[in-house]
């Protein structure tokens, strides 16, 4: 009987101790991890991906791809041709001297030649029309050469070029007393350079005017 009571008391004490231990230990919080699936897009996880900022590389062109303008070419918006720079320089020179700025078109010559080229006849025919519309203007034709050859030789060559240009205009009906000539040889290059890209612009007949 005593043993039964002791056993019952022991079981009760054991049960009470187990209950105390279970209620005394704090319960660990549950941690829930939210990992986006591998296939999720940046906009679906609430985080925006940084845009790619790869700098644009400008296209480069080799010198061989840049065409050299032919005599008579008109200036473009992206860059003036040597003819445009020449005209601008001459306009400034003539304006400073008080001379009238002409709309006459210069003509160009082959190396060591004074003959009028076929591509220059159209320009000279336009110049003829200008002379007829401006009868009060006298003109001096300047003969120019590239840098090759002696100064003496180029002065003579420039004079032949200026006279050939005058003779064409006179043959077309322009009075000879309205046109004079002068040669500067190679002394006044319009384009500075030491190859054909510059020489071709310096072999020319250039017009300068003065009012009667």
N, C-alpha and C. Protein backbone atom coordinates (compact mmCIF):
# COMPACT_ATOMS: atom_id res chain seq x y z
N UNK A 1 0.84 -1.19 0.00
CA UNK A 1 0.00 0.00 0.00
C UNK A 1 0.87 1.24 0.00
N UNK A 2 1.87 1.25 0.87
CA UNK A 2 2.80 2.36 0.91
C UNK A 2 3.56 2.49 -0.39
N UNK A 3 3.88 1.36 -0.97
CA UNK A 3 4.64 1.40 -2.25
C UNK A 3 3.81 1.99 -3.36
N UNK A 4 2.51 1.66 -3.33
CA UNK A 4 1.61 2.21 -4.36
C UNK A 4 1.50 3.70 -4.22
N UNK A 5 1.42 4.22 -2.98
CA UNK A 5 1.32 5.66 -2.77
C UNK A 5 2.59 6.35 -3.23
N UNK A 6 3.72 5.75 -2.88
CA UNK A 6 4.99 6.36 -3.29
C UNK A 6 5.11 6.41 -4.81
N UNK A 7 4.65 5.33 -5.44
CA UNK A 7 4.73 5.31 -6.92
C UNK A 7 3.86 6.37 -7.53
N UNK A 8 2.65 6.58 -6.92
CA UNK A 8 1.73 7.60 -7.45
C UNK A 8 2.30 8.99 -7.26
N UNK A 9 2.93 9.21 -6.07
CA UNK A 9 3.53 10.53 -5.81
C UNK A 9 4.69 10.77 -6.75
N UNK A 10 5.46 9.71 -6.98
CA UNK A 10 6.61 9.87 -7.90
C UNK A 10 6.16 10.20 -9.30
N UNK A 11 5.10 9.54 -9.76
CA UNK A 11 4.61 9.83 -11.13
C UNK A 11 4.10 11.25 -11.23
N UNK A 12 3.43 11.71 -10.15
CA UNK A 12 2.89 13.08 -10.18
C UNK A 12 4.02 14.10 -10.22
N UNK A 13 5.07 13.86 -9.42
CA UNK A 13 6.22 14.80 -9.43
C UNK A 13 6.91 14.82 -10.77
N UNK A 14 7.06 13.60 -11.34
CA UNK A 14 7.72 13.52 -12.66
C UNK A 14 6.93 14.26 -13.71
N UNK A 15 5.59 14.10 -13.70
CA UNK A 15 4.73 14.77 -14.67
C UNK A 15 4.80 16.28 -14.50
N UNK A 16 4.84 16.74 -13.23
CA UNK A 16 4.91 18.18 -12.99
C UNK A 16 6.22 18.76 -13.48
N UNK A 17 7.31 18.02 -13.26
CA UNK A 17 8.61 18.51 -13.75
C UNK A 17 8.65 18.59 -15.27
N UNK A 18 8.08 17.61 -15.94
CA UNK A 18 8.08 17.62 -17.41
C UNK A 18 7.25 18.77 -17.94
N UNK A 19 6.11 19.04 -17.25
CA UNK A 19 5.25 20.16 -17.69
C UNK A 19 5.97 21.47 -17.49
N UNK A 20 6.71 21.62 -16.37
CA UNK A 20 7.46 22.85 -16.12
C UNK A 20 8.55 23.07 -17.13
N UNK A 21 9.23 21.99 -17.46
CA UNK A 21 10.31 22.11 -18.46
C UNK A 21 9.77 22.50 -19.82
N UNK A 22 8.65 21.96 -20.21
CA UNK A 22 8.06 22.25 -21.53
C UNK A 22 7.55 23.68 -21.61
N UNK A 23 6.98 24.18 -20.53
CA UNK A 23 6.45 25.55 -20.56
C UNK A 23 7.54 26.58 -20.33
N UNK A 24 8.66 26.21 -19.77
CA UNK A 24 9.73 27.15 -19.47
C UNK A 24 10.65 27.42 -20.65
N UNK A 25 10.77 26.53 -21.57
CA UNK A 25 11.68 26.71 -22.73
C UNK A 25 11.02 27.59 -23.78
N UNK A 26 11.66 28.70 -24.22
CA UNK A 26 11.05 29.56 -25.26
C UNK A 26 11.01 28.85 -26.60
N UNK A 27 9.97 29.14 -27.29
CA UNK A 27 9.79 28.54 -28.63
C UNK A 27 10.57 29.35 -29.66
N UNK A 28 11.39 28.70 -30.51
CA UNK A 28 12.17 29.37 -31.55
C UNK A 28 11.25 29.90 -32.64
N UNK A 29 11.47 31.15 -33.06
CA UNK A 29 10.61 31.70 -34.14
C UNK A 29 10.91 31.01 -35.46
N UNK A 30 9.88 30.89 -36.21
CA UNK A 30 10.03 30.28 -37.53
C UNK A 30 10.53 31.33 -38.52
N UNK A 31 11.54 31.01 -39.30
CA UNK A 31 12.12 31.90 -40.31
C UNK A 31 11.67 31.43 -41.68
N UNK A 32 11.05 32.34 -42.38
CA UNK A 32 10.55 32.01 -43.72
C UNK A 32 11.39 32.77 -44.74
N UNK A 33 12.09 32.06 -45.55
CA UNK A 33 12.93 32.67 -46.58
C UNK A 33 12.14 32.77 -47.89
N UNK A 34 12.23 33.94 -48.48
CA UNK A 34 11.55 34.15 -49.78
C UNK A 34 12.62 34.37 -50.83
N UNK A 35 12.94 33.34 -51.56
CA UNK A 35 13.95 33.41 -52.63
C UNK A 35 13.23 33.36 -53.96
N UNK A 36 13.41 34.35 -54.82
CA UNK A 36 12.73 34.32 -56.12
C UNK A 36 13.21 33.16 -56.95
N UNK A 37 12.34 32.59 -57.73
CA UNK A 37 12.76 31.47 -58.60
C UNK A 37 13.79 31.94 -59.61
N UNK A 38 14.61 31.01 -60.08
CA UNK A 38 15.67 31.39 -61.03
C UNK A 38 15.14 32.06 -62.27
N UNK A 39 13.94 31.73 -62.69
CA UNK A 39 13.41 32.27 -63.95
C UNK A 39 12.70 33.58 -63.76
N UNK A 40 12.67 34.13 -62.53
CA UNK A 40 11.92 35.36 -62.28
C UNK A 40 12.62 36.53 -62.95
N UNK A 41 11.86 37.49 -63.50
CA UNK A 41 12.38 38.69 -64.12
C UNK A 41 12.64 39.74 -63.06
N UNK A 42 13.52 40.71 -63.34
CA UNK A 42 13.82 41.74 -62.33
C UNK A 42 12.60 42.47 -61.84
N UNK A 43 11.62 42.73 -62.68
CA UNK A 43 10.44 43.48 -62.28
C UNK A 43 9.51 42.69 -61.39
N UNK A 44 9.62 41.33 -61.32
CA UNK A 44 8.72 40.52 -60.54
C UNK A 44 9.15 40.41 -59.09
N UNK A 45 10.38 40.75 -58.76
CA UNK A 45 10.87 40.65 -57.38
C UNK A 45 10.89 41.99 -56.68
N UNK A 46 10.47 43.06 -57.37
CA UNK A 46 10.45 44.39 -56.77
C UNK A 46 11.77 45.10 -56.84
N UNK A 47 12.79 44.53 -57.47
CA UNK A 47 14.09 45.15 -57.60
C UNK A 47 14.36 45.39 -59.07
N UNK A 48 14.62 46.65 -59.44
CA UNK A 48 14.85 46.99 -60.85
C UNK A 48 16.30 46.75 -61.19
N UNK A 49 16.51 46.11 -62.33
CA UNK A 49 17.88 45.86 -62.78
C UNK A 49 18.45 47.14 -63.37
N UNK A 50 19.74 47.38 -63.13
CA UNK A 50 20.39 48.58 -63.66
C UNK A 50 20.52 48.46 -65.17
N UNK A 51 20.13 49.51 -65.91
CA UNK A 51 20.24 49.43 -67.37
C UNK A 51 21.68 49.38 -67.81
N UNK A 52 21.89 48.75 -68.95
CA UNK A 52 23.24 48.67 -69.51
C UNK A 52 23.66 50.03 -70.02
N UNK A 53 24.85 50.47 -69.66
CA UNK A 53 25.35 51.78 -70.07
C UNK A 53 26.61 51.64 -70.90
N UNK A 54 26.61 50.74 -71.83
CA UNK A 54 27.78 50.55 -72.69
C UNK A 54 27.93 51.75 -73.61
N UNK A 55 29.06 52.48 -73.58
CA UNK A 55 29.19 53.69 -74.39
C UNK A 55 29.23 53.36 -75.86
N UNK A 56 28.63 54.28 -76.65
CA UNK A 56 28.63 54.10 -78.10
C UNK A 56 29.97 54.56 -78.66
N UNK A 57 30.55 53.77 -79.54
CA UNK A 57 31.83 54.09 -80.15
C UNK A 57 31.57 54.73 -81.51
N UNK A 58 32.03 55.99 -81.75
CA UNK A 58 31.76 56.63 -83.04
C UNK A 58 32.46 55.89 -84.16
N UNK A 59 31.81 55.92 -85.30
CA UNK A 59 32.36 55.24 -86.47
C UNK A 59 33.55 56.02 -87.00
N UNK A 60 34.64 55.33 -87.24
CA UNK A 60 35.83 55.97 -87.77
C UNK A 60 35.95 55.69 -89.26
N UNK A 61 36.44 56.70 -89.98
CA UNK A 61 36.65 56.54 -91.41
C UNK A 61 38.11 56.74 -91.73
N UNK A 62 38.62 55.89 -92.55
CA UNK A 62 40.02 56.01 -92.94
C UNK A 62 40.16 57.13 -93.96
N UNK A 63 41.39 57.70 -94.09
CA UNK A 63 41.57 58.77 -95.08
C UNK A 63 41.18 58.35 -96.49
N UNK A 64 41.32 57.08 -96.82
CA UNK A 64 40.98 56.63 -98.16
C UNK A 64 39.49 56.71 -98.44
N UNK A 65 38.68 56.72 -97.37
CA UNK A 65 37.23 56.77 -97.56
C UNK A 65 36.70 58.20 -97.69
N UNK A 66 37.56 59.20 -97.45
CA UNK A 66 37.13 60.59 -97.56
C UNK A 66 37.49 61.09 -98.94
N UNK A 67 36.47 61.35 -99.75
CA UNK A 67 36.70 61.75 -101.13
C UNK A 67 37.21 63.18 -101.19
N UNK A 68 38.14 63.44 -102.09
CA UNK A 68 38.64 64.79 -102.33
C UNK A 68 37.72 65.46 -103.32
N UNK A 69 37.13 66.63 -103.00
CA UNK A 69 36.20 67.27 -103.92
C UNK A 69 36.88 67.72 -105.19
N UNK A 70 36.21 67.55 -106.30
CA UNK A 70 36.74 67.97 -107.58
C UNK A 70 36.53 69.47 -107.75
N UNK A 71 37.34 70.14 -108.57
CA UNK A 71 37.12 71.57 -108.83
C UNK A 71 35.70 71.81 -109.32
N UNK A 72 35.07 72.86 -108.81
CA UNK A 72 33.70 73.17 -109.19
C UNK A 72 32.68 72.60 -108.24
N UNK A 73 33.12 71.79 -107.24
CA UNK A 73 32.18 71.20 -106.29
C UNK A 73 31.60 72.27 -105.39
N UNK A 74 30.35 72.08 -105.00
CA UNK A 74 29.69 73.06 -104.14
C UNK A 74 29.88 72.68 -102.69
N UNK A 75 29.93 73.67 -101.79
CA UNK A 75 30.12 73.36 -100.37
C UNK A 75 28.95 72.58 -99.82
N UNK A 76 29.20 71.73 -98.83
CA UNK A 76 28.15 70.98 -98.16
C UNK A 76 27.94 71.54 -96.78
N UNK A 77 26.83 71.10 -96.11
CA UNK A 77 26.53 71.60 -94.78
C UNK A 77 27.48 71.04 -93.74
N UNK A 78 28.04 69.88 -94.01
CA UNK A 78 28.91 69.25 -93.02
C UNK A 78 30.34 69.76 -93.09
N UNK A 79 30.73 70.47 -94.11
CA UNK A 79 32.09 70.97 -94.21
C UNK A 79 32.31 71.65 -95.53
N UNK A 80 32.99 72.78 -95.51
CA UNK A 80 33.20 73.53 -96.74
C UNK A 80 34.31 72.90 -97.56
N UNK A 81 34.18 72.94 -98.87
CA UNK A 81 35.22 72.45 -99.77
C UNK A 81 36.33 73.49 -99.85
N UNK A 82 37.51 73.11 -100.38
CA UNK A 82 38.56 74.12 -100.57
C UNK A 82 38.08 75.30 -101.40
N UNK A 83 37.20 75.06 -102.37
CA UNK A 83 36.69 76.17 -103.19
C UNK A 83 35.92 77.17 -102.33
N UNK A 84 35.16 76.66 -101.35
CA UNK A 84 34.41 77.57 -100.47
C UNK A 84 35.36 78.39 -99.62
N UNK A 85 36.41 77.77 -99.10
CA UNK A 85 37.38 78.51 -98.29
C UNK A 85 38.11 79.54 -99.13
N UNK A 86 38.41 79.19 -100.37
CA UNK A 86 39.06 80.12 -101.28
C UNK A 86 38.16 81.32 -101.54
N UNK A 87 36.89 81.05 -101.85
CA UNK A 87 35.96 82.13 -102.13
C UNK A 87 35.81 83.04 -100.92
N UNK A 88 35.75 82.45 -99.73
CA UNK A 88 35.62 83.25 -98.51
C UNK A 88 36.83 84.14 -98.30
N UNK A 89 38.02 83.57 -98.53
CA UNK A 89 39.24 84.35 -98.36
C UNK A 89 39.30 85.49 -99.37
N UNK A 90 38.93 85.20 -100.62
CA UNK A 90 38.96 86.23 -101.64
C UNK A 90 37.93 87.31 -101.37
N UNK A 91 36.76 86.92 -100.88
CA UNK A 91 35.73 87.91 -100.56
C UNK A 91 36.23 88.87 -99.49
N UNK A 92 36.90 88.31 -98.48
CA UNK A 92 37.44 89.17 -97.44
C UNK A 92 38.53 90.09 -97.97
N UNK A 93 39.37 89.58 -98.88
CA UNK A 93 40.45 90.39 -99.45
C UNK A 93 39.89 91.51 -100.31
N UNK A 94 38.90 91.18 -101.13
CA UNK A 94 38.32 92.19 -102.01
C UNK A 94 37.51 93.22 -101.23
N UNK A 95 36.81 92.76 -100.18
CA UNK A 95 36.03 93.69 -99.38
C UNK A 95 36.96 94.67 -98.67
N UNK A 96 38.09 94.17 -98.18
CA UNK A 96 39.04 95.05 -97.50
C UNK A 96 39.62 96.06 -98.46
N UNK A 97 39.76 95.69 -99.73
CA UNK A 97 40.31 96.60 -100.74
C UNK A 97 39.24 97.49 -101.37
N UNK A 98 37.98 97.31 -100.98
CA UNK A 98 36.91 98.12 -101.53
C UNK A 98 36.44 97.66 -102.89
N UNK A 99 36.82 96.48 -103.31
CA UNK A 99 36.42 95.97 -104.63
C UNK A 99 35.08 95.27 -104.53
N UNK A 100 34.41 95.16 -105.67
CA UNK A 100 33.12 94.47 -105.72
C UNK A 100 33.35 92.96 -105.72
N UNK A 101 32.61 92.24 -104.89
CA UNK A 101 32.72 90.79 -104.85
C UNK A 101 31.96 90.20 -106.03
N UNK A 102 32.62 89.34 -106.79
CA UNK A 102 32.04 88.81 -108.02
C UNK A 102 31.30 87.51 -107.80
N UNK A 103 30.40 87.23 -108.72
CA UNK A 103 29.77 85.92 -108.78
C UNK A 103 30.36 85.10 -109.91
N UNK A 104 31.43 85.59 -110.50
CA UNK A 104 32.09 84.86 -111.58
C UNK A 104 32.77 83.61 -111.02
N UNK A 105 32.78 82.57 -111.82
CA UNK A 105 33.32 81.29 -111.39
C UNK A 105 34.73 81.10 -111.94
N UNK A 106 35.66 80.76 -111.07
CA UNK A 106 37.03 80.49 -111.49
C UNK A 106 37.09 79.20 -112.30
N UNK A 107 38.13 79.08 -113.08
CA UNK A 107 38.35 77.85 -113.84
C UNK A 107 39.72 77.29 -113.47
N UNK A 108 39.90 76.00 -113.74
CA UNK A 108 41.11 75.29 -113.32
C UNK A 108 41.81 74.68 -114.53
N UNK A 109 43.12 74.42 -114.37
CA UNK A 109 43.94 73.95 -115.47
C UNK A 109 44.68 72.68 -115.09
N UNK A 110 45.08 71.93 -116.12
CA UNK A 110 45.93 70.76 -115.89
C UNK A 110 47.36 71.21 -115.63
N UNK A 111 48.17 70.29 -115.15
CA UNK A 111 49.55 70.61 -114.81
C UNK A 111 50.31 71.08 -116.05
N UNK A 112 50.98 72.22 -115.89
CA UNK A 112 51.83 72.81 -116.94
C UNK A 112 51.06 73.10 -118.23
N UNK A 113 49.76 73.37 -118.09
CA UNK A 113 48.93 73.65 -119.27
C UNK A 113 48.20 74.97 -119.08
N UNK A 114 47.90 75.62 -120.22
CA UNK A 114 47.12 76.86 -120.21
C UNK A 114 45.89 76.75 -121.10
N UNK A 115 45.65 75.56 -121.66
CA UNK A 115 44.48 75.36 -122.52
C UNK A 115 43.23 75.26 -121.66
N UNK A 116 42.12 75.81 -122.18
CA UNK A 116 40.85 75.74 -121.45
C UNK A 116 40.33 74.30 -121.49
N UNK A 117 40.04 73.74 -120.34
CA UNK A 117 39.54 72.37 -120.27
C UNK A 117 38.06 72.33 -120.64
N UNK A 118 37.62 71.15 -121.05
CA UNK A 118 36.22 70.98 -121.44
C UNK A 118 35.27 71.28 -120.27
N UNK A 119 35.66 70.89 -119.05
CA UNK A 119 34.77 71.12 -117.92
C UNK A 119 34.72 72.59 -117.51
N UNK A 120 35.63 73.42 -118.06
CA UNK A 120 35.65 74.84 -117.73
C UNK A 120 34.81 75.68 -118.69
N UNK A 121 34.49 75.14 -119.86
CA UNK A 121 33.75 75.93 -120.84
C UNK A 121 32.34 76.27 -120.33
N UNK A 122 31.71 75.34 -119.63
CA UNK A 122 30.38 75.62 -119.09
C UNK A 122 30.44 76.76 -118.09
N UNK A 123 31.47 76.76 -117.23
CA UNK A 123 31.62 77.83 -116.25
C UNK A 123 31.88 79.16 -116.94
N UNK A 124 32.70 79.16 -117.98
CA UNK A 124 32.99 80.41 -118.69
C UNK A 124 31.75 80.93 -119.42
N UNK A 125 30.93 80.03 -119.94
CA UNK A 125 29.69 80.47 -120.60
C UNK A 125 28.76 81.13 -119.58
N UNK A 126 28.74 80.63 -118.35
CA UNK A 126 27.96 81.29 -117.30
C UNK A 126 28.57 82.65 -116.96
N UNK A 127 29.89 82.74 -117.01
CA UNK A 127 30.55 84.02 -116.76
C UNK A 127 30.21 85.04 -117.85
N UNK A 128 30.11 84.57 -119.06
CA UNK A 128 29.72 85.45 -120.17
C UNK A 128 28.37 86.09 -119.90
N UNK A 129 27.42 85.29 -119.44
CA UNK A 129 26.08 85.82 -119.13
C UNK A 129 26.17 86.85 -118.00
N UNK A 130 27.04 86.61 -117.06
CA UNK A 130 27.20 87.57 -115.96
C UNK A 130 27.73 88.89 -116.48
N UNK A 131 28.72 88.84 -117.39
CA UNK A 131 29.26 90.06 -117.98
C UNK A 131 28.17 90.85 -118.70
N UNK A 132 27.30 90.18 -119.40
CA UNK A 132 26.25 90.86 -120.14
C UNK A 132 25.24 91.52 -119.21
N UNK A 133 25.01 90.93 -118.04
CA UNK A 133 24.07 91.50 -117.08
C UNK A 133 24.71 92.60 -116.23
N UNK A 134 26.02 92.71 -116.28
CA UNK A 134 26.74 93.71 -115.48
C UNK A 134 27.69 94.51 -116.37
N UNK A 135 27.15 95.31 -117.26
CA UNK A 135 28.00 95.99 -118.26
C UNK A 135 28.90 97.07 -117.66
N UNK A 136 28.67 97.48 -116.43
CA UNK A 136 29.47 98.54 -115.83
C UNK A 136 30.70 98.02 -115.09
N UNK A 137 30.95 96.75 -115.17
CA UNK A 137 32.03 96.15 -114.38
C UNK A 137 33.22 95.80 -115.27
N UNK A 138 34.41 96.21 -114.82
CA UNK A 138 35.65 95.76 -115.45
C UNK A 138 36.27 94.68 -114.57
N UNK A 139 36.98 93.77 -115.21
CA UNK A 139 37.48 92.60 -114.49
C UNK A 139 38.97 92.40 -114.77
N UNK A 140 39.67 92.01 -113.72
CA UNK A 140 41.05 91.56 -113.87
C UNK A 140 41.08 90.05 -113.65
N UNK A 141 41.71 89.34 -114.56
CA UNK A 141 41.85 87.89 -114.43
C UNK A 141 43.25 87.59 -113.91
N UNK A 142 43.31 86.93 -112.77
CA UNK A 142 44.59 86.54 -112.18
C UNK A 142 44.94 85.12 -112.61
N UNK A 143 46.18 84.92 -113.07
CA UNK A 143 46.66 83.59 -113.39
C UNK A 143 47.48 83.03 -112.24
N UNK A 144 47.16 81.80 -111.82
CA UNK A 144 47.85 81.18 -110.68
C UNK A 144 48.36 79.80 -111.06
N UNK A 145 49.40 79.35 -110.34
CA UNK A 145 50.03 78.04 -110.61
C UNK A 145 50.27 77.32 -109.28
N UNK A 146 50.60 76.02 -109.39
CA UNK A 146 50.99 75.30 -108.18
C UNK A 146 52.47 75.57 -107.91
N UNK A 147 53.00 74.96 -106.87
CA UNK A 147 54.33 75.31 -106.38
C UNK A 147 55.48 74.72 -107.19
N UNK A 148 55.21 73.82 -108.10
CA UNK A 148 56.29 73.16 -108.84
C UNK A 148 56.83 74.09 -109.93
N UNK A 149 58.12 74.04 -110.14
CA UNK A 149 58.76 74.89 -111.15
C UNK A 149 59.30 76.17 -110.53
N UNK A 150 60.09 76.88 -111.31
CA UNK A 150 60.70 78.11 -110.82
C UNK A 150 59.68 79.24 -110.79
N UNK A 151 60.01 80.29 -110.06
CA UNK A 151 59.12 81.45 -109.98
C UNK A 151 58.96 82.10 -111.35
N UNK A 152 60.05 82.22 -112.09
CA UNK A 152 59.98 82.85 -113.42
C UNK A 152 59.09 82.06 -114.37
N UNK A 153 59.27 80.74 -114.35
CA UNK A 153 58.46 79.91 -115.26
C UNK A 153 56.98 80.01 -114.90
N UNK A 154 56.66 79.98 -113.64
CA UNK A 154 55.26 80.01 -113.23
C UNK A 154 54.62 81.37 -113.46
N UNK A 155 55.38 82.45 -113.40
CA UNK A 155 54.83 83.75 -113.74
C UNK A 155 54.40 83.79 -115.21
N UNK A 156 55.22 83.21 -116.08
CA UNK A 156 54.86 83.16 -117.49
C UNK A 156 53.67 82.24 -117.72
N UNK A 157 53.64 81.08 -117.03
CA UNK A 157 52.52 80.15 -117.18
C UNK A 157 51.23 80.76 -116.66
N UNK A 158 51.29 81.46 -115.55
CA UNK A 158 50.10 82.11 -115.02
C UNK A 158 49.57 83.17 -115.97
N UNK A 159 50.46 83.89 -116.63
CA UNK A 159 50.01 84.90 -117.60
C UNK A 159 49.33 84.23 -118.79
N UNK A 160 49.86 83.09 -119.26
CA UNK A 160 49.21 82.39 -120.37
C UNK A 160 47.81 81.91 -119.97
N UNK A 161 47.66 81.45 -118.77
CA UNK A 161 46.35 81.00 -118.31
C UNK A 161 45.36 82.17 -118.23
N UNK A 162 45.80 83.29 -117.72
CA UNK A 162 44.92 84.45 -117.62
C UNK A 162 44.52 84.94 -119.01
N UNK A 163 45.46 84.97 -119.94
CA UNK A 163 45.14 85.42 -121.30
C UNK A 163 44.24 84.44 -122.04
N UNK A 164 44.43 83.14 -121.82
CA UNK A 164 43.55 82.17 -122.46
C UNK A 164 42.12 82.34 -121.98
N UNK A 165 41.96 82.65 -120.71
CA UNK A 165 40.62 82.88 -120.16
C UNK A 165 40.02 84.16 -120.74
N UNK A 166 40.83 85.22 -120.83
CA UNK A 166 40.34 86.47 -121.42
C UNK A 166 39.96 86.26 -122.89
N UNK A 167 40.79 85.55 -123.64
CA UNK A 167 40.50 85.33 -125.06
C UNK A 167 39.19 84.59 -125.26
N UNK A 168 38.87 83.65 -124.40
CA UNK A 168 37.60 82.92 -124.51
C UNK A 168 36.42 83.88 -124.31
N UNK A 169 36.51 84.76 -123.32
CA UNK A 169 35.42 85.69 -123.05
C UNK A 169 35.28 86.71 -124.18
N UNK A 170 36.40 87.20 -124.70
CA UNK A 170 36.35 88.16 -125.81
C UNK A 170 35.75 87.51 -127.04
N UNK A 171 36.13 86.25 -127.31
CA UNK A 171 35.56 85.54 -128.46
C UNK A 171 34.06 85.34 -128.30
N UNK A 172 33.56 85.32 -127.05
CA UNK A 172 32.13 85.15 -126.80
C UNK A 172 31.38 86.47 -126.85
N UNK A 173 32.08 87.61 -127.12
CA UNK A 173 31.41 88.88 -127.30
C UNK A 173 31.63 89.90 -126.20
N UNK A 174 32.46 89.60 -125.22
CA UNK A 174 32.73 90.56 -124.15
C UNK A 174 33.83 91.51 -124.62
N UNK A 175 33.63 92.81 -124.41
CA UNK A 175 34.59 93.81 -124.87
C UNK A 175 35.95 93.60 -124.22
N UNK A 176 37.02 93.65 -125.03
CA UNK A 176 38.36 93.39 -124.53
C UNK A 176 38.81 94.44 -123.53
N UNK A 177 38.30 95.69 -123.67
CA UNK A 177 38.74 96.75 -122.75
C UNK A 177 38.14 96.60 -121.35
N UNK A 178 37.26 95.63 -121.18
CA UNK A 178 36.69 95.36 -119.85
C UNK A 178 37.51 94.33 -119.07
N UNK A 179 38.50 93.73 -119.74
CA UNK A 179 39.22 92.61 -119.11
C UNK A 179 40.72 92.87 -119.18
N UNK A 180 41.38 92.85 -118.04
CA UNK A 180 42.82 92.91 -117.98
C UNK A 180 43.34 91.63 -117.33
N UNK A 181 44.64 91.41 -117.44
CA UNK A 181 45.22 90.17 -116.89
C UNK A 181 46.45 90.49 -116.05
N UNK A 182 46.72 89.59 -115.13
CA UNK A 182 47.91 89.67 -114.30
C UNK A 182 48.27 88.25 -113.86
N UNK A 183 49.54 87.99 -113.65
CA UNK A 183 49.98 86.67 -113.19
C UNK A 183 50.67 86.80 -111.84
N UNK A 184 50.31 85.87 -110.94
CA UNK A 184 50.99 85.76 -109.65
C UNK A 184 51.80 84.48 -109.56
N UNK A 185 51.81 83.69 -110.63
CA UNK A 185 52.59 82.46 -110.62
C UNK A 185 52.23 81.57 -109.44
N UNK A 186 53.24 81.17 -108.70
CA UNK A 186 53.01 80.30 -107.53
C UNK A 186 53.07 81.07 -106.22
N UNK A 187 53.09 82.40 -106.30
CA UNK A 187 53.32 83.22 -105.11
C UNK A 187 52.10 83.34 -104.20
N UNK A 188 50.90 83.09 -104.71
CA UNK A 188 49.69 83.24 -103.89
C UNK A 188 48.85 81.96 -103.94
N UNK A 189 49.31 80.90 -103.32
CA UNK A 189 48.51 79.66 -103.33
C UNK A 189 47.21 79.84 -102.55
N UNK A 190 46.15 79.26 -103.08
CA UNK A 190 44.86 79.32 -102.40
C UNK A 190 44.72 78.19 -101.39
N UNK A 191 45.34 77.05 -101.67
CA UNK A 191 45.31 75.92 -100.76
C UNK A 191 46.76 75.52 -100.48
N UNK A 192 47.13 75.47 -99.22
CA UNK A 192 48.50 75.13 -98.85
C UNK A 192 48.64 73.61 -98.80
N UNK A 193 49.64 73.09 -99.48
CA UNK A 193 49.88 71.65 -99.48
C UNK A 193 50.95 71.31 -100.49
N UNK A 194 51.41 70.07 -100.41
CA UNK A 194 52.52 69.65 -101.27
C UNK A 194 52.19 68.38 -102.04
N UNK A 195 50.93 68.23 -102.40
CA UNK A 195 50.52 67.10 -103.23
C UNK A 195 49.36 67.56 -104.12
N UNK A 196 48.87 66.62 -104.93
CA UNK A 196 47.86 66.98 -105.93
C UNK A 196 46.57 67.50 -105.31
N UNK A 197 46.26 67.07 -104.09
CA UNK A 197 45.03 67.53 -103.46
C UNK A 197 45.05 69.05 -103.25
N UNK A 198 46.24 69.65 -103.13
CA UNK A 198 46.36 71.10 -103.02
C UNK A 198 46.69 71.73 -104.37
N UNK A 199 47.56 71.10 -105.14
CA UNK A 199 48.00 71.68 -106.41
C UNK A 199 46.83 71.92 -107.37
N UNK A 200 45.87 71.00 -107.36
CA UNK A 200 44.77 71.10 -108.32
C UNK A 200 43.96 72.37 -108.12
N UNK A 201 43.92 72.89 -106.88
CA UNK A 201 43.17 74.12 -106.60
C UNK A 201 43.97 75.37 -106.91
N UNK A 202 45.27 75.25 -107.00
CA UNK A 202 46.12 76.41 -107.24
C UNK A 202 46.37 76.68 -108.72
N UNK A 203 46.07 75.75 -109.58
CA UNK A 203 46.20 75.97 -111.03
C UNK A 203 44.88 76.55 -111.54
N UNK A 204 44.75 77.89 -111.50
CA UNK A 204 43.44 78.47 -111.76
C UNK A 204 43.54 79.87 -112.35
N UNK A 205 42.43 80.31 -112.92
CA UNK A 205 42.25 81.70 -113.31
C UNK A 205 41.17 82.27 -112.40
N UNK A 206 41.51 83.34 -111.71
CA UNK A 206 40.62 83.92 -110.71
C UNK A 206 40.22 85.33 -111.13
N UNK A 207 38.95 85.71 -110.85
CA UNK A 207 38.41 87.00 -111.30
C UNK A 207 38.35 87.98 -110.13
N UNK A 208 38.83 89.20 -110.38
CA UNK A 208 38.69 90.32 -109.46
C UNK A 208 38.13 91.49 -110.24
N UNK A 209 37.16 92.18 -109.68
CA UNK A 209 36.48 93.24 -110.44
C UNK A 209 36.71 94.61 -109.85
N UNK A 210 36.44 95.61 -110.68
CA UNK A 210 36.43 97.00 -110.23
C UNK A 210 35.39 97.73 -111.07
N UNK A 211 34.58 98.60 -110.44
CA UNK A 211 33.53 99.31 -111.15
C UNK A 211 34.13 100.44 -111.97
N UNK A 212 33.57 100.67 -113.17
CA UNK A 212 34.04 101.76 -114.04
C UNK A 212 33.87 103.11 -113.37
